[in-house]
Amino acid sequence: MKIGILGAGHIGKALARLLAEAGHEVGISNSRGPDSVVEGTQTLRDLAHEIGRGVKAFSNEDAARFGELVIETIPFGKYMDMPAVQMEGKIVIDTANYYPERDGQIDLGGLSESAFIARHLPKARVVKAFNTISAAHLETLGDVGKPVGERRAIFIAGDDAEAKAVVTRLIEEIGFAAVDTGSLEDSRVQQPGTPIYGPDLTATQARAALQK
């Protein structure tokens, strides 16, 4: 599958490497383009080369156009930077969390964070995932050799069952287990400050935690 990743921060880099190692074609981007500096003197193009396995460096628009599936890892407060037109009809994984102290005050209109993003991307098939795990845990805790129930849980939510099934397969391919919390509105249970935000839980433990 061709996967475009918007954002070259810690989560974006970790997912780029893991998904490329799983055999997917991956393009990673930022708002400034392939030759922009992302760290020190390293450019986005250098970063893609360092990750290896054919990972490409793109602008956000080109990454969204490239991907059959798009993962957005940009800060929540920069949601307007997402190329909505290029994401139409595609599965979009929303990894962002809203932190008012970082993102400023945003009126969510009573919506969950991901339902708010879905309203901004009305023709995309939004699935919330990867927002409750650190980049360090993404890099180190995946284990395809474990039974799914014993793997580190990745919580997901969405309104499109087929899209969630695709995301579930991707999560399992990189050694984790998807645990479904329900609809985009139900994704409130996996937002910052909730009991399941952050803890290192296996899939079995995560499902038990959701029942409490």
C-alpha atoms as a PDB file:
ATOM      1  CA  MET A   1       0.000   0.000   0.000  1.00  0.00           C
ATOM      2  CA  LYS A   2       1.126   3.575  -0.655  1.00  0.00           C
ATOM      3  CA  ILE A   3       1.090   5.534   2.596  1.00  0.00           C
ATOM      4  CA  GLY A   4       1.598   9.274   2.934  1.00  0.00           C
ATOM      5  CA  ILE A   5       2.670  10.632   6.324  1.00  0.00           C
ATOM      6  CA  LEU A   6       2.078  14.302   7.053  1.00  0.00           C
ATOM      7  CA  GLY A   7       4.577  15.456   9.639  1.00  0.00           C
ATOM      8  CA  ALA A   8       8.192  14.460  10.224  1.00  0.00           C
ATOM      9  CA  GLY A   9       8.235  14.599  14.019  1.00  0.00           C
ATOM     10  CA  HIS A  10       8.932  11.654  16.317  1.00  0.00           C
ATOM     11  CA  ILE A  11       5.658   9.812  15.620  1.00  0.00           C
ATOM     12  CA  GLY A  12       5.871  10.432  11.876  1.00  0.00           C
ATOM     13  CA  LYS A  13       9.450   9.160  11.698  1.00  0.00           C
ATOM     14  CA  ALA A  14       8.660   6.072  13.769  1.00  0.00           C
ATOM     15  CA  LEU A  15       5.652   5.159  11.635  1.00  0.00           C
ATOM     16  CA  ALA A  16       7.566   5.776   8.417  1.00  0.00           C
ATOM     17  CA  ARG A  17      10.248   3.309   9.434  1.00  0.00           C
ATOM     18  CA  LEU A  18       7.877   0.656  10.773  1.00  0.00           C
ATOM     19  CA  LEU A  19       5.517   0.760   7.799  1.00  0.00           C
ATOM     20  CA  ALA A  20       8.365   0.752   5.286  1.00  0.00           C
ATOM     21  CA  GLU A  21       9.879  -2.257   7.057  1.00  0.00           C
ATOM     22  CA  ALA A  22       6.469  -3.946   6.792  1.00  0.00           C
ATOM     23  CA  GLY A  23       6.691  -3.606   3.008  1.00  0.00           C
ATOM     24  CA  HIS A  24       4.639  -0.502   2.298  1.00  0.00           C
ATOM     25  CA  GLU A  25       5.603   2.373   0.014  1.00  0.00           C
ATOM     26  CA  VAL A  26       5.954   5.387   2.282  1.00  0.00           C
ATOM     27  CA  GLY A  27       6.220   9.105   1.654  1.00  0.00           C
ATOM     28  CA  ILE A  28       6.910  11.510   4.525  1.00  0.00           C
ATOM     29  CA  SER A  29       6.341  15.243   4.422  1.00  0.00           C
ATOM     30  CA  ASN A  30       6.218  18.557   6.162  1.00  0.00           C
ATOM     31  CA  SER A  31       4.694  21.882   5.245  1.00  0.00           C
ATOM     32  CA  ARG A  32       8.003  23.292   3.989  1.00  0.00           C
ATOM     33  CA  GLY A  33       8.979  20.594   1.512  1.00  0.00           C
ATOM     34  CA  PRO A  34      11.725  17.995   0.909  1.00  0.00           C
ATOM     35  CA  ASP A  35      14.709  20.340   1.141  1.00  0.00           C
ATOM     36  CA  SER A  36      13.658  22.071   4.357  1.00  0.00           C
ATOM     37  CA  VAL A  37      15.754  21.555   7.486  1.00  0.00           C
ATOM     38  CA  VAL A  38      14.033  19.273  10.010  1.00  0.00           C
ATOM     39  CA  GLU A  39      16.785  18.894  12.617  1.00  0.00           C
ATOM     40  CA  GLY A  40      20.180  20.583  12.836  1.00  0.00           C
ATOM     41  CA  THR A  41      21.351  20.615   9.240  1.00  0.00           C
ATOM     42  CA  GLN A  42      19.386  17.511   8.253  1.00  0.00           C
ATOM     43  CA  THR A  43      16.779  18.080   5.570  1.00  0.00           C
ATOM     44  CA  LEU A  44      13.578  16.115   5.107  1.00  0.00           C
ATOM     45  CA  ARG A  45      15.179  14.453   2.106  1.00  0.00           C
ATOM     46  CA  ASP A  46      18.148  13.431   4.285  1.00  0.00           C
ATOM     47  CA  LEU A  47      15.744  12.044   6.880  1.00  0.00           C
ATOM     48  CA  ALA A  48      13.921   9.952   4.283  1.00  0.00           C
ATOM     49  CA  HIS A  49      17.278   8.602   3.066  1.00  0.00           C
ATOM     50  CA  GLU A  50      18.276   7.778   6.653  1.00  0.00           C
ATOM     51  CA  ILE A  51      15.055   5.843   7.251  1.00  0.00           C
ATOM     52  CA  GLY A  52      15.771   3.950   4.045  1.00  0.00           C
ATOM     53  CA  ARG A  53      13.656   1.267   2.372  1.00  0.00           C
ATOM     54  CA  GLY A  54      12.677   3.655  -0.396  1.00  0.00           C
ATOM     55  CA  VAL A  55      10.942   6.216   1.830  1.00  0.00           C
ATOM     56  CA  LYS A  56      10.331   9.386  -0.185  1.00  0.00           C
ATOM     57  CA  ALA A  57      10.351  13.038   0.911  1.00  0.00           C
ATOM     58  CA  PHE A  58       7.373  15.146  -0.153  1.00  0.00           C
ATOM     59  CA  SER A  59       5.479  18.320   0.512  1.00  0.00           C
ATOM     60  CA  ASN A  60       2.234  17.796   2.466  1.00  0.00           C
ATOM     61  CA  GLU A  61       0.174  18.119  -0.717  1.00  0.00           C
ATOM     62  CA  ASP A  62       2.286  15.591  -2.597  1.00  0.00           C
ATOM     63  CA  ALA A  63       2.332  13.122   0.302  1.00  0.00           C
ATOM     64  CA  ALA A  64      -1.468  13.294   0.554  1.00  0.00           C
ATOM     65  CA  ARG A  65      -1.753  12.831  -3.186  1.00  0.00           C
ATOM     66  CA  PHE A  66       0.719   9.906  -3.120  1.00  0.00           C
ATOM     67  CA  GLY A  67      -0.916   7.933  -0.330  1.00  0.00           C
ATOM     68  CA  GLU A  68      -3.775   5.530  -0.758  1.00  0.00           C
ATOM     69  CA  LEU A  69      -3.913   5.971   3.009  1.00  0.00           C
ATOM     70  CA  VAL A  70      -2.718   9.142   4.757  1.00  0.00           C
ATOM     71  CA  ILE A  71      -1.463   9.491   8.330  1.00  0.00           C
ATOM     72  CA  GLU A  72      -1.536  12.990   9.770  1.00  0.00           C
ATOM     73  CA  THR A  73       0.916  13.573  12.617  1.00  0.00           C
ATOM     74  CA  ILE A  74       0.976  17.371  12.636  1.00  0.00           C
ATOM     75  CA  PRO A  75       0.181  19.353  15.813  1.00  0.00           C
ATOM     76  CA  PHE A  76      -3.563  19.679  16.341  1.00  0.00           C
ATOM     77  CA  GLY A  77      -3.432  23.469  16.200  1.00  0.00           C
ATOM     78  CA  LYS A  78      -2.132  23.340  12.624  1.00  0.00           C
ATOM     79  CA  TYR A  79      -5.077  21.327  11.302  1.00  0.00           C
ATOM     80  CA  MET A  80      -5.788  24.009   8.700  1.00  0.00           C
ATOM     81  CA  ASP A  81      -2.464  23.122   7.039  1.00  0.00           C
ATOM     82  CA  MET A  82      -3.792  19.712   6.014  1.00  0.00           C
ATOM     83  CA  PRO A  83      -4.398  19.450   2.252  1.00  0.00           C
ATOM     84  CA  ALA A  84      -8.079  18.523   2.465  1.00  0.00           C
ATOM     85  CA  VAL A  85      -8.646  18.258  -1.289  1.00  0.00           C
ATOM     86  CA  GLN A  86      -5.866  15.709  -1.777  1.00  0.00           C
ATOM     87  CA  MET A  87      -7.246  13.622   1.097  1.00  0.00           C
ATOM     88  CA  GLU A  88     -10.749  13.283  -0.300  1.00  0.00           C
ATOM     89  CA  GLY A  89     -12.000   9.690  -0.432  1.00  0.00           C
ATOM     90  CA  LYS A  90      -8.950   8.357   1.414  1.00  0.00           C
ATOM     91  CA  ILE A  91      -8.549   6.687   4.777  1.00  0.00           C
ATOM     92  CA  VAL A  92      -6.924   9.276   7.037  1.00  0.00           C
ATOM     93  CA  ILE A  93      -5.392   8.228  10.356  1.00  0.00           C
ATOM     94  CA  ASP A  94      -5.620  11.083  12.846  1.00  0.00           C
ATOM     95  CA  THR A  95      -2.856  10.823  15.469  1.00  0.00           C
ATOM     96  CA  ALA A  96      -3.166  14.365  16.839  1.00  0.00           C
ATOM     97  CA  ASN A  97      -4.017  15.419  20.385  1.00  0.00           C
ATOM     98  CA  TYR A  98      -5.335  18.824  21.364  1.00  0.00           C
ATOM     99  CA  TYR A  99      -3.237  20.602  23.988  1.00  0.00           C
ATOM    100  CA  PRO A 100      -4.598  24.144  24.494  1.00  0.00           C
ATOM    101  CA  GLU A 101      -1.334  25.337  26.042  1.00  0.00           C
ATOM    102  CA  ARG A 102       0.466  24.406  22.811  1.00  0.00           C
ATOM    103  CA  ASP A 103      -2.245  24.775  20.194  1.00  0.00           C
ATOM    104  CA  GLY A 104      -4.109  27.805  21.520  1.00  0.00           C
ATOM    105  CA  GLN A 105      -7.807  27.968  22.241  1.00  0.00           C
ATOM    106  CA  ILE A 106      -9.832  26.165  19.554  1.00  0.00           C
ATOM    107  CA  ASP A 107     -13.604  25.913  19.678  1.00  0.00           C
ATOM    108  CA  LEU A 108     -14.337  22.245  18.996  1.00  0.00           C
ATOM    109  CA  GLY A 109     -18.060  22.950  18.859  1.00  0.00           C
ATOM    110  CA  GLY A 110     -18.766  20.234  21.407  1.00  0.00           C
ATOM    111  CA  LEU A 111     -17.137  17.574  19.204  1.00  0.00           C
ATOM    112  CA  SER A 112     -14.458  15.077  20.115  1.00  0.00           C
ATOM    113  CA  GLU A 113     -11.022  15.992  18.799  1.00  0.00           C
ATOM    114  CA  SER A 114     -11.218  13.501  15.926  1.00  0.00           C
ATOM    115  CA  ALA A 115     -14.816  14.344  15.037  1.00  0.00           C
ATOM    116  CA  PHE A 116     -13.606  17.945  14.751  1.00  0.00           C
ATOM    117  CA  ILE A 117     -10.837  16.835  12.361  1.00  0.00           C
ATOM    118  CA  ALA A 118     -13.366  14.784  10.377  1.00  0.00           C
ATOM    119  CA  ARG A 119     -15.557  17.883  10.012  1.00  0.00           C
ATOM    120  CA  HIS A 120     -12.528  19.666   8.534  1.00  0.00           C
ATOM    121  CA  LEU A 121     -11.995  16.689   6.168  1.00  0.00           C
ATOM    122  CA  PRO A 122     -15.612  15.917   5.252  1.00  0.00           C
ATOM    123  CA  LYS A 123     -14.774  13.652   2.312  1.00  0.00           C
ATOM    124  CA  ALA A 124     -12.071  11.638   4.102  1.00  0.00           C
ATOM    125  CA  ARG A 125     -12.557   8.401   6.052  1.00  0.00           C
ATOM    126  CA  VAL A 126     -11.062   9.409   9.387  1.00  0.00           C
ATOM    127  CA  VAL A 127      -9.814   6.875  11.927  1.00  0.00           C
ATOM    128  CA  LYS A 128      -8.296   7.904  15.263  1.00  0.00           C
ATOM    129  CA  ALA A 129      -5.164   5.893  16.111  1.00  0.00           C
ATOM    130  CA  PHE A 130      -1.598   6.142  17.457  1.00  0.00           C
ATOM    131  CA  ASN A 131      -2.494   9.085  19.712  1.00  0.00           C
ATOM    132  CA  THR A 132      -2.055   7.269  23.039  1.00  0.00           C
ATOM    133  CA  ILE A 133       1.430   5.849  22.460  1.00  0.00           C
ATOM    134  CA  SER A 134       4.822   7.550  22.561  1.00  0.00           C
ATOM    135  CA  ALA A 135       7.267   7.414  19.674  1.00  0.00           C
ATOM    136  CA  ALA A 136       9.713   5.537  21.925  1.00  0.00           C
ATOM    137  CA  HIS A 137       7.142   2.809  22.560  1.00  0.00           C
ATOM    138  CA  LEU A 138       6.267   2.662  18.873  1.00  0.00           C
ATOM    139  CA  GLU A 139       9.936   2.115  18.125  1.00  0.00           C
ATOM    140  CA  THR A 140      10.477  -0.619  20.709  1.00  0.00           C
ATOM    141  CA  LEU A 141       7.310  -2.428  21.816  1.00  0.00           C
ATOM    142  CA  GLY A 142       5.959  -3.893  18.586  1.00  0.00           C
ATOM    143  CA  ASP A 143       6.346  -7.674  18.404  1.00  0.00           C
ATOM    144  CA  VAL A 144       4.838  -9.674  15.556  1.00  0.00           C
ATOM    145  CA  GLY A 145       5.893 -12.874  17.315  1.00  0.00           C
ATOM    146  CA  LYS A 146       3.414 -12.412  20.143  1.00  0.00           C
ATOM    147  CA  PRO A 147      -0.251 -13.473  20.065  1.00  0.00           C
ATOM    148  CA  VAL A 148      -2.380 -10.407  19.348  1.00  0.00           C
ATOM    149  CA  GLY A 149      -3.898 -10.397  22.836  1.00  0.00           C
ATOM    150  CA  GLU A 150      -0.437 -10.101  24.399  1.00  0.00           C
ATOM    151  CA  ARG A 151       0.753  -7.230  22.205  1.00  0.00           C
ATOM    152  CA  ARG A 152       0.892  -3.560  23.201  1.00  0.00           C
ATOM    153  CA  ALA A 153      -2.519  -2.016  22.489  1.00  0.00           C
ATOM    154  CA  ILE A 154      -3.122   0.778  19.986  1.00  0.00           C
ATOM    155  CA  PHE A 155      -6.572   2.304  20.512  1.00  0.00           C
ATOM    156  CA  ILE A 156      -8.590   3.132  17.400  1.00  0.00           C
ATOM    157  CA  ALA A 157     -11.943   4.803  16.753  1.00  0.00           C
ATOM    158  CA  GLY A 158     -13.955   5.700  13.677  1.00  0.00           C
ATOM    159  CA  ASP A 159     -17.299   5.767  11.931  1.00  0.00           C
ATOM    160  CA  ASP A 160     -16.246   3.664   8.912  1.00  0.00           C
ATOM    161  CA  ALA A 161     -15.962  -0.061   9.678  1.00  0.00           C
ATOM    162  CA  GLU A 162     -14.029  -0.854   6.500  1.00  0.00           C
ATOM    163  CA  ALA A 163     -11.520   1.914   7.189  1.00  0.00           C
ATOM    164  CA  LYS A 164     -11.043   0.662  10.747  1.00  0.00           C
ATOM    165  CA  ALA A 165     -10.399  -2.845   9.411  1.00  0.00           C
ATOM    166  CA  VAL A 166      -7.627  -1.515   7.156  1.00  0.00           C
ATOM    167  CA  VAL A 167      -6.047   0.382  10.049  1.00  0.00           C
ATOM    168  CA  THR A 168      -6.325  -2.696  12.271  1.00  0.00           C
ATOM    169  CA  ARG A 169      -4.340  -4.735   9.718  1.00  0.00           C
ATOM    170  CA  LEU A 170      -1.620  -2.080   9.533  1.00  0.00           C
ATOM    171  CA  ILE A 171      -1.330  -2.018  13.323  1.00  0.00           C
ATOM    172  CA  GLU A 172      -0.999  -5.796  13.461  1.00  0.00           C
ATOM    173  CA  GLU A 173       1.596  -5.795  10.658  1.00  0.00           C
ATOM    174  CA  ILE A 174       3.922  -3.653  12.782  1.00  0.00           C
ATOM    175  CA  GLY A 175       3.548  -5.836  15.863  1.00  0.00           C
ATOM    176  CA  PHE A 176       0.797  -4.162  17.880  1.00  0.00           C
ATOM    177  CA  ALA A 177      -2.889  -4.886  18.543  1.00  0.00           C
ATOM    178  CA  ALA A 178      -5.786  -2.602  17.630  1.00  0.00           C
ATOM    179  CA  VAL A 179      -8.396  -2.089  20.339  1.00  0.00           C
ATOM    180  CA  ASP A 180     -11.580  -0.431  19.093  1.00  0.00           C
ATOM    181  CA  THR A 181     -13.103   2.264  21.319  1.00  0.00           C
ATOM    182  CA  GLY A 182     -16.067   2.915  19.013  1.00  0.00           C
ATOM    183  CA  SER A 183     -17.096   5.915  16.915  1.00  0.00           C
ATOM    184  CA  LEU A 184     -15.222   9.181  16.413  1.00  0.00           C
ATOM    185  CA  GLU A 185     -17.366  10.691  19.156  1.00  0.00           C
ATOM    186  CA  ASP A 186     -16.498   7.720  21.389  1.00  0.00           C
ATOM    187  CA  SER A 187     -12.803   8.515  20.830  1.00  0.00           C
ATOM    188  CA  ARG A 188     -13.131  10.965  23.747  1.00  0.00           C
ATOM    189  CA  VAL A 189     -12.151   8.004  25.956  1.00  0.00           C
ATOM    190  CA  GLN A 190      -8.666   7.980  24.393  1.00  0.00           C
ATOM    191  CA  GLN A 191      -8.003  11.719  24.511  1.00  0.00           C
ATOM    192  CA  PRO A 192      -5.352  13.252  26.825  1.00  0.00           C
ATOM    193  CA  GLY A 193      -6.210  13.048  30.497  1.00  0.00           C
ATOM    194  CA  THR A 194      -8.237   9.834  30.242  1.00  0.00           C
ATOM    195  CA  PRO A 195      -7.281   6.599  32.059  1.00  0.00           C
ATOM    196  CA  ILE A 196      -6.235   4.807  28.851  1.00  0.00           C
ATOM    197  CA  TYR A 197      -4.137   7.687  27.522  1.00  0.00           C
ATOM    198  CA  GLY A 198      -0.503   6.646  27.855  1.00  0.00           C
ATOM    199  CA  PRO A 199      -0.368   3.412  29.912  1.00  0.00           C
ATOM    200  CA  ASP A 200       1.495   0.439  28.452  1.00  0.00           C
ATOM    201  CA  LEU A 201      -1.395  -2.023  28.163  1.00  0.00           C
ATOM    202  CA  THR A 202      -1.692  -5.292  26.300  1.00  0.00           C
ATOM    203  CA  ALA A 203      -4.773  -5.744  24.139  1.00  0.00           C
ATOM    204  CA  THR A 204      -6.346  -7.963  26.800  1.00  0.00           C
ATOM    205  CA  GLN A 205      -5.641  -5.405  29.533  1.00  0.00           C
ATOM    206  CA  ALA A 206      -6.905  -2.569  27.344  1.00  0.00           C
ATOM    207  CA  ARG A 207     -10.222  -4.247  26.660  1.00  0.00           C
ATOM    208  CA  ALA A 208     -10.654  -4.893  30.373  1.00  0.00           C
ATOM    209  CA  ALA A 209      -9.868  -1.232  31.115  1.00  0.00           C
ATOM    210  CA  LEU A 210     -12.560  -0.104  28.679  1.00  0.00           C
ATOM    211  CA  GLN A 211     -15.136  -2.174  30.563  1.00  0.00           C
ATOM    212  CA  LYS A 212     -14.489  -0.320  33.839  1.00  0.00           C
END
